[in-house]
PDB file of N, CA and C in Angstrom:
ATOM      1  N   UNK A   1      69.895 -14.072  39.959  1.00  0.00           N
ATOM      2  CA  UNK A   1      70.828 -15.174  40.019  1.00  0.00           C
ATOM      3  C   UNK A   1      71.253 -15.597  38.619  1.00  0.00           C
ATOM      4  N   UNK A   2      70.360 -15.746  37.691  1.00  0.00           N
ATOM      5  CA  UNK A   2      70.708 -16.135  36.338  1.00  0.00           C
ATOM      6  C   UNK A   2      70.279 -17.554  36.021  1.00  0.00           C
ATOM      7  N   UNK A   3      70.430 -17.894  34.747  1.00  0.00           N
ATOM      8  CA  UNK A   3      70.013 -19.206  34.285  1.00  0.00           C
ATOM      9  C   UNK A   3      70.946 -19.671  33.171  1.00  0.00           C
ATOM     10  N   UNK A   4      71.175 -20.959  33.126  1.00  0.00           N
ATOM     11  CA  UNK A   4      71.949 -21.566  32.044  1.00  0.00           C
ATOM     12  C   UNK A   4      71.353 -22.938  31.767  1.00  0.00           C
ATOM     13  N   UNK A   5      71.382 -23.352  30.506  1.00  0.00           N
ATOM     14  CA  UNK A   5      70.896 -24.674  30.136  1.00  0.00           C
ATOM     15  C   UNK A   5      72.086 -25.538  29.725  1.00  0.00           C
ATOM     16  N   UNK A   6      72.014 -26.810  30.071  1.00  0.00           N
ATOM     17  CA  UNK A   6      73.070 -27.738  29.691  1.00  0.00           C
ATOM     18  C   UNK A   6      72.419 -28.943  29.029  1.00  0.00           C
ATOM     19  N   UNK A   7      72.864 -29.275  27.825  1.00  0.00           N
ATOM     20  CA  UNK A   7      72.275 -30.394  27.088  1.00  0.00           C
ATOM     21  C   UNK A   7      72.639 -31.718  27.753  1.00  0.00           C
ATOM     22  N   UNK A   8      71.842 -32.737  27.472  1.00  0.00           N
ATOM     23  CA  UNK A   8      72.108 -34.069  28.019  1.00  0.00           C
ATOM     24  C   UNK A   8      73.475 -34.592  27.580  1.00  0.00           C
ATOM     25  N   UNK A   9      73.853 -34.296  26.346  1.00  0.00           N
ATOM     26  CA  UNK A   9      75.154 -34.738  25.834  1.00  0.00           C
ATOM     27  C   UNK A   9      76.299 -34.095  26.628  1.00  0.00           C
ATOM     28  N   UNK A  10      76.164 -32.812  26.944  1.00  0.00           N
ATOM     29  CA  UNK A  10      77.182 -32.123  27.733  1.00  0.00           C
ATOM     30  C   UNK A  10      77.217 -32.665  29.162  1.00  0.00           C
ATOM     31  N   UNK A  11      76.052 -32.908  29.737  1.00  0.00           N
ATOM     32  CA  UNK A  11      75.992 -33.460  31.094  1.00  0.00           C
ATOM     33  C   UNK A  11      76.716 -34.797  31.155  1.00  0.00           C
ATOM     34  N   UNK A  12      76.448 -35.672  30.187  1.00  0.00           N
ATOM     35  CA  UNK A  12      77.106 -36.987  30.162  1.00  0.00           C
ATOM     36  C   UNK A  12      78.612 -36.858  30.060  1.00  0.00           C
ATOM     37  N   UNK A  13      79.084 -35.968  29.194  1.00  0.00           N
ATOM     38  CA  UNK A  13      80.529 -35.791  29.017  1.00  0.00           C
ATOM     39  C   UNK A  13      81.169 -35.197  30.276  1.00  0.00           C
ATOM     40  N   UNK A  14      80.506 -34.235  30.892  1.00  0.00           N
ATOM     41  CA  UNK A  14      81.038 -33.632  32.125  1.00  0.00           C
ATOM     42  C   UNK A  14      81.130 -34.687  33.226  1.00  0.00           C
ATOM     43  N   UNK A  15      80.096 -35.499  33.372  1.00  0.00           N
ATOM     44  CA  UNK A  15      80.121 -36.552  34.385  1.00  0.00           C
ATOM     45  C   UNK A  15      81.272 -37.521  34.139  1.00  0.00           C
ATOM     46  N   UNK A  16      81.507 -37.842  32.878  1.00  0.00           N
ATOM     47  CA  UNK A  16      82.607 -38.731  32.504  1.00  0.00           C
ATOM     48  C   UNK A  16      83.961 -38.106  32.874  1.00  0.00           C
ATOM     49  N   UNK A  17      84.142 -36.848  32.542  1.00  0.00           N
ATOM     50  CA  UNK A  17      85.397 -36.141  32.832  1.00  0.00           C
ATOM     51  C   UNK A  17      85.621 -36.034  34.335  1.00  0.00           C
ATOM     52  N   UNK A  18      84.595 -35.656  35.079  1.00  0.00           N
ATOM     53  CA  UNK A  18      84.738 -35.517  36.531  1.00  0.00           C
ATOM     54  C   UNK A  18      85.095 -36.850  37.184  1.00  0.00           C
ATOM     55  N   UNK A  19      84.495 -37.917  36.696  1.00  0.00           N
ATOM     56  CA  UNK A  19      84.793 -39.244  37.242  1.00  0.00           C
ATOM     57  C   UNK A  19      86.245 -39.618  36.952  1.00  0.00           C
ATOM     58  N   UNK A  20      86.702 -39.392  35.717  1.00  0.00           N
ATOM     59  CA  UNK A  20      88.085 -39.700  35.340  1.00  0.00           C
ATOM     60  C   UNK A  20      89.083 -38.908  36.185  1.00  0.00           C
ATOM     61  N   UNK A  21      88.756 -37.660  36.473  1.00  0.00           N
ATOM     62  CA  UNK A  21      89.669 -36.775  37.203  1.00  0.00           C
ATOM     63  C   UNK A  21      89.433 -36.806  38.715  1.00  0.00           C
ATOM     64  N   UNK A  22      88.443 -37.568  39.149  1.00  0.00           N
ATOM     65  CA  UNK A  22      88.084 -37.658  40.565  1.00  0.00           C
ATOM     66  C   UNK A  22      87.822 -36.266  41.162  1.00  0.00           C
ATOM     67  N   UNK A  23      87.030 -35.487  40.447  1.00  0.00           N
ATOM     68  CA  UNK A  23      86.673 -34.133  40.873  1.00  0.00           C
ATOM     69  C   UNK A  23      85.169 -34.069  41.117  1.00  0.00           C
ATOM     70  N   UNK A  24      84.737 -33.017  41.819  1.00  0.00           N
ATOM     71  CA  UNK A  24      83.328 -32.887  42.202  1.00  0.00           C
ATOM     72  C   UNK A  24      82.536 -31.927  41.327  1.00  0.00           C
ATOM     73  N   UNK A  25      83.171 -30.860  40.862  1.00  0.00           N
ATOM     74  CA  UNK A  25      82.444 -29.773  40.218  1.00  0.00           C
ATOM     75  C   UNK A  25      83.023 -29.437  38.846  1.00  0.00           C
ATOM     76  N   UNK A  26      82.180 -28.854  38.007  1.00  0.00           N
ATOM     77  CA  UNK A  26      82.594 -28.367  36.694  1.00  0.00           C
ATOM     78  C   UNK A  26      82.354 -26.871  36.662  1.00  0.00           C
ATOM     79  N   UNK A  27      83.409 -26.116  36.376  1.00  0.00           N
ATOM     80  CA  UNK A  27      83.322 -24.659  36.378  1.00  0.00           C
ATOM     81  C   UNK A  27      83.258 -24.130  34.954  1.00  0.00           C
ATOM     82  N   UNK A  28      82.375 -23.142  34.749  1.00  0.00           N
ATOM     83  CA  UNK A  28      82.326 -22.378  33.509  1.00  0.00           C
ATOM     84  C   UNK A  28      82.683 -20.947  33.877  1.00  0.00           C
ATOM     85  N   UNK A  29      83.656 -20.392  33.171  1.00  0.00           N
ATOM     86  CA  UNK A  29      84.114 -19.038  33.468  1.00  0.00           C
ATOM     87  C   UNK A  29      84.289 -18.264  32.173  1.00  0.00           C
ATOM     88  N   UNK A  30      84.043 -16.978  32.231  1.00  0.00           N
ATOM     89  CA  UNK A  30      84.299 -16.089  31.100  1.00  0.00           C
ATOM     90  C   UNK A  30      85.491 -15.237  31.482  1.00  0.00           C
ATOM     91  N   UNK A  31      86.487 -15.193  30.588  1.00  0.00           N
ATOM     92  CA  UNK A  31      87.652 -14.343  30.878  1.00  0.00           C
ATOM     93  C   UNK A  31      87.983 -13.499  29.659  1.00  0.00           C
ATOM     94  N   UNK A  32      88.637 -12.393  29.906  1.00  0.00           N
ATOM     95  CA  UNK A  32      89.040 -11.500  28.832  1.00  0.00           C
ATOM     96  C   UNK A  32      90.059 -12.170  27.929  1.00  0.00           C
ATOM     97  N   UNK A  33      90.002 -11.833  26.650  1.00  0.00           N
ATOM     98  CA  UNK A  33      90.931 -12.411  25.683  1.00  0.00           C
ATOM     99  C   UNK A  33      90.174 -12.990  24.517  1.00  0.00           C
ATOM    100  N   UNK A  34      90.876 -13.544  23.578  1.00  0.00           N
ATOM    101  CA  UNK A  34      90.229 -14.078  22.385  1.00  0.00           C
ATOM    102  C   UNK A  34      89.997 -12.950  21.394  1.00  0.00           C
ATOM    103  N   UNK A  35      89.734 -13.287  20.160  1.00  0.00           N
ATOM    104  CA  UNK A  35      89.631 -12.252  19.124  1.00  0.00           C
ATOM    105  C   UNK A  35      88.335 -11.448  19.226  1.00  0.00           C
ATOM    106  N   UNK A  36      87.355 -11.931  19.986  1.00  0.00           N
ATOM    107  CA  UNK A  36      86.113 -11.180  20.153  1.00  0.00           C
ATOM    108  C   UNK A  36      86.024 -10.507  21.518  1.00  0.00           C
ATOM    109  N   UNK A  37      87.109 -10.566  22.295  1.00  0.00           N
ATOM    110  CA  UNK A  37      87.154  -9.870  23.572  1.00  0.00           C
ATOM    111  C   UNK A  37      86.974 -10.758  24.793  1.00  0.00           C
ATOM    112  N   UNK A  38      86.328 -11.926  24.643  1.00  0.00           N
ATOM    113  CA  UNK A  38      86.118 -12.839  25.761  1.00  0.00           C
ATOM    114  C   UNK A  38      86.296 -14.271  25.288  1.00  0.00           C
ATOM    115  N   UNK A  39      86.586 -15.146  26.229  1.00  0.00           N
ATOM    116  CA  UNK A  39      86.611 -16.566  25.920  1.00  0.00           C
ATOM    117  C   UNK A  39      86.060 -17.356  27.092  1.00  0.00           C
ATOM    118  N   UNK A  40      85.559 -18.552  26.807  1.00  0.00           N
ATOM    119  CA  UNK A  40      84.999 -19.419  27.831  1.00  0.00           C
ATOM    120  C   UNK A  40      86.077 -20.364  28.327  1.00  0.00           C
ATOM    121  N   UNK A  41      86.080 -20.576  29.636  1.00  0.00           N
ATOM    122  CA  UNK A  41      87.026 -21.498  30.260  1.00  0.00           C
ATOM    123  C   UNK A  41      86.211 -22.575  30.968  1.00  0.00           C
ATOM    124  N   UNK A  42      86.560 -23.842  30.720  1.00  0.00           N
ATOM    125  CA  UNK A  42      85.894 -24.980  31.351  1.00  0.00           C
ATOM    126  C   UNK A  42      86.932 -25.699  32.191  1.00  0.00           C
ATOM    127  N   UNK A  43      86.587 -25.983  33.453  1.00  0.00           N
ATOM    128  CA  UNK A  43      87.580 -26.534  34.369  1.00  0.00           C
ATOM    129  C   UNK A  43      86.916 -27.436  35.400  1.00  0.00           C
ATOM    130  N   UNK A  44      87.560 -28.541  35.708  1.00  0.00           N
ATOM    131  CA  UNK A  44      87.114 -29.419  36.792  1.00  0.00           C
ATOM    132  C   UNK A  44      87.682 -28.877  38.095  1.00  0.00           C
ATOM    133  N   UNK A  45      86.870 -28.918  39.141  1.00  0.00           N
ATOM    134  CA  UNK A  45      87.328 -28.396  40.436  1.00  0.00           C
ATOM    135  C   UNK A  45      86.839 -29.274  41.570  1.00  0.00           C
ATOM    136  N   UNK A  46      87.476 -29.075  42.720  1.00  0.00           N
ATOM    137  CA  UNK A  46      87.124 -29.839  43.913  1.00  0.00           C
ATOM    138  C   UNK A  46      86.558 -28.970  45.030  1.00  0.00           C
ATOM    139  N   UNK A  47      86.517 -27.644  44.807  1.00  0.00           N
ATOM    140  CA  UNK A  47      86.019 -26.769  45.864  1.00  0.00           C
ATOM    141  C   UNK A  47      85.152 -25.649  45.290  1.00  0.00           C
ATOM    142  N   UNK A  48      84.353 -25.080  46.169  1.00  0.00           N
ATOM    143  CA  UNK A  48      83.427 -23.999  45.815  1.00  0.00           C
ATOM    144  C   UNK A  48      83.857 -22.732  46.556  1.00  0.00           C
ATOM    145  N   UNK A  49      83.769 -21.603  45.887  1.00  0.00           N
ATOM    146  CA  UNK A  49      83.963 -20.315  46.547  1.00  0.00           C
ATOM    147  C   UNK A  49      82.562 -19.795  46.880  1.00  0.00           C
ATOM    148  N   UNK A  50      82.132 -19.983  48.109  1.00  0.00           N
ATOM    149  CA  UNK A  50      80.754 -19.662  48.502  1.00  0.00           C
ATOM    150  C   UNK A  50      80.403 -18.190  48.355  1.00  0.00           C
ATOM    151  N   UNK A  51      81.392 -17.305  48.358  1.00  0.00           N
ATOM    152  CA  UNK A  51      81.126 -15.877  48.208  1.00  0.00           C
ATOM    153  C   UNK A  51      80.956 -15.454  46.750  1.00  0.00           C
ATOM    154  N   UNK A  52      81.534 -16.210  45.828  1.00  0.00           N
ATOM    155  CA  UNK A  52      81.530 -15.790  44.428  1.00  0.00           C
ATOM    156  C   UNK A  52      80.784 -16.724  43.479  1.00  0.00           C
ATOM    157  N   UNK A  53      80.587 -17.987  43.865  1.00  0.00           N
ATOM    158  CA  UNK A  53      80.028 -18.972  42.947  1.00  0.00           C
ATOM    159  C   UNK A  53      78.515 -19.102  43.038  1.00  0.00           C
ATOM    160  N   UNK A  54      77.909 -19.286  41.875  1.00  0.00           N
ATOM    161  CA  UNK A  54      76.515 -19.697  41.772  1.00  0.00           C
ATOM    162  C   UNK A  54      76.558 -21.167  41.396  1.00  0.00           C
ATOM    163  N   UNK A  55      75.761 -21.987  42.067  1.00  0.00           N
ATOM    164  CA  UNK A  55      75.769 -23.429  41.842  1.00  0.00           C
ATOM    165  C   UNK A  55      74.484 -23.827  41.127  1.00  0.00           C
ATOM    166  N   UNK A  56      74.645 -24.531  40.005  1.00  0.00           N
ATOM    167  CA  UNK A  56      73.512 -25.057  39.249  1.00  0.00           C
ATOM    168  C   UNK A  56      73.558 -26.573  39.325  1.00  0.00           C
ATOM    169  N   UNK A  57      72.412 -27.197  39.556  1.00  0.00           N
ATOM    170  CA  UNK A  57      72.330 -28.650  39.662  1.00  0.00           C
ATOM    171  C   UNK A  57      71.619 -29.224  38.446  1.00  0.00           C
ATOM    172  N   UNK A  58      72.277 -30.187  37.790  1.00  0.00           N
ATOM    173  CA  UNK A  58      71.730 -30.882  36.634  1.00  0.00           C
ATOM    174  C   UNK A  58      71.998 -32.369  36.802  1.00  0.00           C
ATOM    175  N   UNK A  59      70.972 -33.152  37.052  1.00  0.00           N
ATOM    176  CA  UNK A  59      71.098 -34.622  37.108  1.00  0.00           C
ATOM    177  C   UNK A  59      72.306 -35.072  37.930  1.00  0.00           C
ATOM    178  N   UNK A  60      72.350 -34.722  39.189  1.00  0.00           N
ATOM    179  CA  UNK A  60      73.445 -35.082  40.098  1.00  0.00           C
ATOM    180  C   UNK A  60      74.790 -34.492  39.693  1.00  0.00           C
ATOM    181  N   UNK A  61      74.755 -33.418  38.956  1.00  0.00           N
ATOM    182  CA  UNK A  61      75.960 -32.730  38.512  1.00  0.00           C
ATOM    183  C   UNK A  61      75.871 -31.287  38.983  1.00  0.00           C
ATOM    184  N   UNK A  62      76.962 -30.787  39.579  1.00  0.00           N
ATOM    185  CA  UNK A  62      76.969 -29.401  40.029  1.00  0.00           C
ATOM    186  C   UNK A  62      77.899 -28.580  39.145  1.00  0.00           C
ATOM    187  N   UNK A  63      77.329 -27.529  38.557  1.00  0.00           N
ATOM    188  CA  UNK A  63      78.050 -26.607  37.698  1.00  0.00           C
ATOM    189  C   UNK A  63      78.280 -25.322  38.488  1.00  0.00           C
ATOM    190  N   UNK A  64      79.516 -24.828  38.478  1.00  0.00           N
ATOM    191  CA  UNK A  64      79.861 -23.595  39.168  1.00  0.00           C
ATOM    192  C   UNK A  64      80.093 -22.483  38.148  1.00  0.00           C
ATOM    193  N   UNK A  65      79.487 -21.338  38.405  1.00  0.00           N
ATOM    194  CA  UNK A  65      79.721 -20.149  37.585  1.00  0.00           C
ATOM    195  C   UNK A  65      79.884 -18.984  38.543  1.00  0.00           C
ATOM    196  N   UNK A  66      81.013 -18.276  38.432  1.00  0.00           N
ATOM    197  CA  UNK A  66      81.192 -17.128  39.316  1.00  0.00           C
ATOM    198  C   UNK A  66      80.226 -16.016  38.892  1.00  0.00           C
ATOM    199  N   UNK A  67      79.882 -15.165  39.832  1.00  0.00           N
ATOM    200  CA  UNK A  67      78.868 -14.129  39.594  1.00  0.00           C
ATOM    201  C   UNK A  67      79.243 -13.189  38.459  1.00  0.00           C
ATOM    202  N   UNK A  68      80.521 -12.847  38.313  1.00  0.00           N
ATOM    203  CA  UNK A  68      80.937 -11.967  37.227  1.00  0.00           C
ATOM    204  C   UNK A  68      80.720 -12.627  35.869  1.00  0.00           C
ATOM    205  N   UNK A  69      81.067 -13.905  35.750  1.00  0.00           N
ATOM    206  CA  UNK A  69      80.873 -14.627  34.488  1.00  0.00           C
ATOM    207  C   UNK A  69      79.398 -14.785  34.161  1.00  0.00           C
ATOM    208  N   UNK A  70      78.573 -14.946  35.196  1.00  0.00           N
ATOM    209  CA  UNK A  70      77.136 -15.140  34.973  1.00  0.00           C
ATOM    210  C   UNK A  70      76.528 -13.958  34.236  1.00  0.00           C
ATOM    211  N   UNK A  71      77.040 -12.759  34.484  1.00  0.00           N
ATOM    212  CA  UNK A  71      76.539 -11.578  33.780  1.00  0.00           C
ATOM    213  C   UNK A  71      76.708 -11.711  32.267  1.00  0.00           C
ATOM    214  N   UNK A  72      77.742 -12.423  31.839  1.00  0.00           N
ATOM    215  CA  UNK A  72      78.033 -12.560  30.408  1.00  0.00           C
ATOM    216  C   UNK A  72      77.355 -13.772  29.763  1.00  0.00           C
ATOM    217  N   UNK A  73      77.082 -14.814  30.539  1.00  0.00           N
ATOM    218  CA  UNK A  73      76.539 -16.028  29.925  1.00  0.00           C
ATOM    219  C   UNK A  73      75.129 -16.391  30.375  1.00  0.00           C
ATOM    220  N   UNK A  74      74.458 -15.471  31.015  1.00  0.00           N
ATOM    221  CA  UNK A  74      73.077 -15.706  31.425  1.00  0.00           C
ATOM    222  C   UNK A  74      72.229 -16.094  30.212  1.00  0.00           C
ATOM    223  N   UNK A  75      71.389 -17.093  30.380  1.00  0.00           N
ATOM    224  CA  UNK A  75      70.476 -17.595  29.340  1.00  0.00           C
ATOM    225  C   UNK A  75      71.196 -18.342  28.216  1.00  0.00           C
ATOM    226  N   UNK A  76      72.452 -18.728  28.432  1.00  0.00           N
ATOM    227  CA  UNK A  76      73.213 -19.465  27.426  1.00  0.00           C
ATOM    228  C   UNK A  76      72.964 -20.962  27.546  1.00  0.00           C
ATOM    229  N   UNK A  77      73.433 -21.699  26.531  1.00  0.00           N
ATOM    230  CA  UNK A  77      73.319 -23.155  26.549  1.00  0.00           C
ATOM    231  C   UNK A  77      74.690 -23.773  26.299  1.00  0.00           C
ATOM    232  N   UNK A  78      75.065 -24.727  27.158  1.00  0.00           N
ATOM    233  CA  UNK A  78      76.303 -25.471  27.001  1.00  0.00           C
ATOM    234  C   UNK A  78      75.978 -26.800  26.336  1.00  0.00           C
ATOM    235  N   UNK A  79      76.728 -27.117  25.284  1.00  0.00           N
ATOM    236  CA  UNK A  79      76.551 -28.380  24.561  1.00  0.00           C
ATOM    237  C   UNK A  79      77.915 -29.024  24.395  1.00  0.00           C
ATOM    238  N   UNK A  80      77.914 -30.312  24.065  1.00  0.00           N
ATOM    239  CA  UNK A  80      79.145 -31.011  23.742  1.00  0.00           C
ATOM    240  C   UNK A  80      79.016 -31.526  22.329  1.00  0.00           C
ATOM    241  N   UNK A  81      79.975 -31.172  21.482  1.00  0.00           N
ATOM    242  CA  UNK A  81      79.933 -31.563  20.080  1.00  0.00           C
ATOM    243  C   UNK A  81      81.066 -32.537  19.799  1.00  0.00           C
ATOM    244  N   UNK A  82      80.699 -33.658  19.204  1.00  0.00           N
ATOM    245  CA  UNK A  82      81.656 -34.695  18.845  1.00  0.00           C
ATOM    246  C   UNK A  82      81.599 -34.831  17.330  1.00  0.00           C
ATOM    247  N   UNK A  83      82.576 -34.183  16.646  1.00  0.00           N
ATOM    248  CA  UNK A  83      82.566 -34.131  15.190  1.00  0.00           C
ATOM    249  C   UNK A  83      83.858 -34.711  14.630  1.00  0.00           C
ATOM    250  N   UNK A  84      83.910 -34.900  13.330  1.00  0.00           N
ATOM    251  CA  UNK A  84      85.104 -35.444  12.694  1.00  0.00           C
ATOM    252  C   UNK A  84      86.339 -34.584  12.936  1.00  0.00           C
ATOM    253  N   UNK A  85      86.155 -33.281  13.000  1.00  0.00           N
ATOM    254  CA  UNK A  85      87.293 -32.386  13.184  1.00  0.00           C
ATOM    255  C   UNK A  85      87.717 -32.265  14.642  1.00  0.00           C
ATOM    256  N   UNK A  86      86.949 -32.841  15.550  1.00  0.00           N
ATOM    257  CA  UNK A  86      87.303 -32.805  16.964  1.00  0.00           C
ATOM    258  C   UNK A  86      86.081 -32.728  17.862  1.00  0.00           C
ATOM    259  N   UNK A  87      86.323 -32.848  19.137  1.00  0.00           N
ATOM    260  CA  UNK A  87      85.264 -32.794  20.142  1.00  0.00           C
ATOM    261  C   UNK A  87      85.519 -31.624  21.067  1.00  0.00           C
ATOM    262  N   UNK A  88      84.428 -30.957  21.471  1.00  0.00           N
ATOM    263  CA  UNK A  88      84.605 -29.827  22.376  1.00  0.00           C
ATOM    264  C   UNK A  88      83.270 -29.401  22.974  1.00  0.00           C
ATOM    265  N   UNK A  89      83.373 -28.670  24.074  1.00  0.00           N
ATOM    266  CA  UNK A  89      82.207 -28.015  24.633  1.00  0.00           C
ATOM    267  C   UNK A  89      81.990 -26.729  23.851  1.00  0.00           C
ATOM    268  N   UNK A  90      80.732 -26.358  23.678  1.00  0.00           N
ATOM    269  CA  UNK A  90      80.448 -25.084  23.013  1.00  0.00           C
ATOM    270  C   UNK A  90      79.279 -24.408  23.708  1.00  0.00           C
ATOM    271  N   UNK A  91      79.317 -23.097  23.707  1.00  0.00           N
ATOM    272  CA  UNK A  91      78.266 -22.303  24.332  1.00  0.00           C
ATOM    273  C   UNK A  91      77.542 -21.503  23.261  1.00  0.00           C
ATOM    274  N   UNK A  92      76.230 -21.606  23.273  1.00  0.00           N
ATOM    275  CA  UNK A  92      75.389 -20.742  22.452  1.00  0.00           C
ATOM    276  C   UNK A  92      74.931 -19.633  23.377  1.00  0.00           C
ATOM    277  N   UNK A  93      75.386 -18.420  23.085  1.00  0.00           N
ATOM    278  CA  UNK A  93      75.157 -17.295  23.978  1.00  0.00           C
ATOM    279  C   UNK A  93      74.330 -16.222  23.278  1.00  0.00           C
ATOM    280  N   UNK A  94      73.071 -16.030  23.701  1.00  0.00           N
ATOM    281  CA  UNK A  94      72.242 -15.006  23.065  1.00  0.00           C
ATOM    282  C   UNK A  94      72.708 -13.580  23.373  1.00  0.00           C
ATOM    283  N   UNK A  95      73.603 -13.424  24.352  1.00  0.00           N
ATOM    284  CA  UNK A  95      74.110 -12.106  24.720  1.00  0.00           C
ATOM    285  C   UNK A  95      75.333 -11.688  23.912  1.00  0.00           C
ATOM    286  N   UNK A  96      75.946 -12.640  23.200  1.00  0.00           N
ATOM    287  CA  UNK A  96      77.171 -12.341  22.453  1.00  0.00           C
ATOM    288  C   UNK A  96      76.835 -11.499  21.219  1.00  0.00           C
ATOM    289  N   UNK A  97      77.562 -10.411  21.052  1.00  0.00           N
ATOM    290  CA  UNK A  97      77.348  -9.550  19.898  1.00  0.00           C
ATOM    291  C   UNK A  97      78.255  -9.941  18.750  1.00  0.00           C
ATOM    292  N   UNK A  98      79.395 -10.547  19.056  1.00  0.00           N
ATOM    293  CA  UNK A  98      80.345 -11.015  18.061  1.00  0.00           C
ATOM    294  C   UNK A  98      80.778 -12.421  18.438  1.00  0.00           C
ATOM    295  N   UNK A  99      81.271 -13.160  17.459  1.00  0.00           N
ATOM    296  CA  UNK A  99      81.831 -14.472  17.745  1.00  0.00           C
ATOM    297  C   UNK A  99      83.092 -14.645  16.922  1.00  0.00           C
ATOM    298  N   UNK A 100      83.779 -15.710  17.209  1.00  0.00           N
ATOM    299  CA  UNK A 100      85.065 -15.972  16.571  1.00  0.00           C
ATOM    300  C   UNK A 100      84.957 -17.214  15.720  1.00  0.00           C
ATOM    301  N   UNK A 101      85.635 -17.259  14.619  1.00  0.00           N
ATOM    302  CA  UNK A 101      85.612 -18.424  13.755  1.00  0.00           C
ATOM    303  C   UNK A 101      86.153 -19.669  14.417  1.00  0.00           C
ATOM    304  N   UNK A 102      87.011 -19.501  15.422  1.00  0.00           N
ATOM    305  CA  UNK A 102      87.585 -20.668  16.101  1.00  0.00           C
ATOM    306  C   UNK A 102      86.685 -21.145  17.249  1.00  0.00           C
ATOM    307  N   UNK A 103      85.570 -20.460  17.496  1.00  0.00           N
ATOM    308  CA  UNK A 103      84.647 -20.878  18.538  1.00  0.00           C
ATOM    309  C   UNK A 103      84.904 -20.279  19.900  1.00  0.00           C
ATOM    310  N   UNK A 104      85.882 -19.403  20.009  1.00  0.00           N
ATOM    311  CA  UNK A 104      86.197 -18.774  21.297  1.00  0.00           C
ATOM    312  C   UNK A 104      85.141 -17.760  21.673  1.00  0.00           C
TER     313      UNK A 104
END
């Protein structure tokens, strides 16, 4: 099935975003593209694809990751960084062989 860790800071921000958007779930997806070959996509959603999604529960928060994406981000950690240059979600992925200077 796989495993992913989500920091408390990321959980708080996701809960805030879902409440603002009146959505139920937060999706993490890996898609082709970006200068290193893949990029992470974060999206609020209202439905689950029971055939393709793996559901992770963190403090009353449900994270959806499709099975194909899970192969790429297994054992990763999602964090939320709030810095002077901007705020964003970031993934620390032990499976990544290359990374991009822009964080993709």
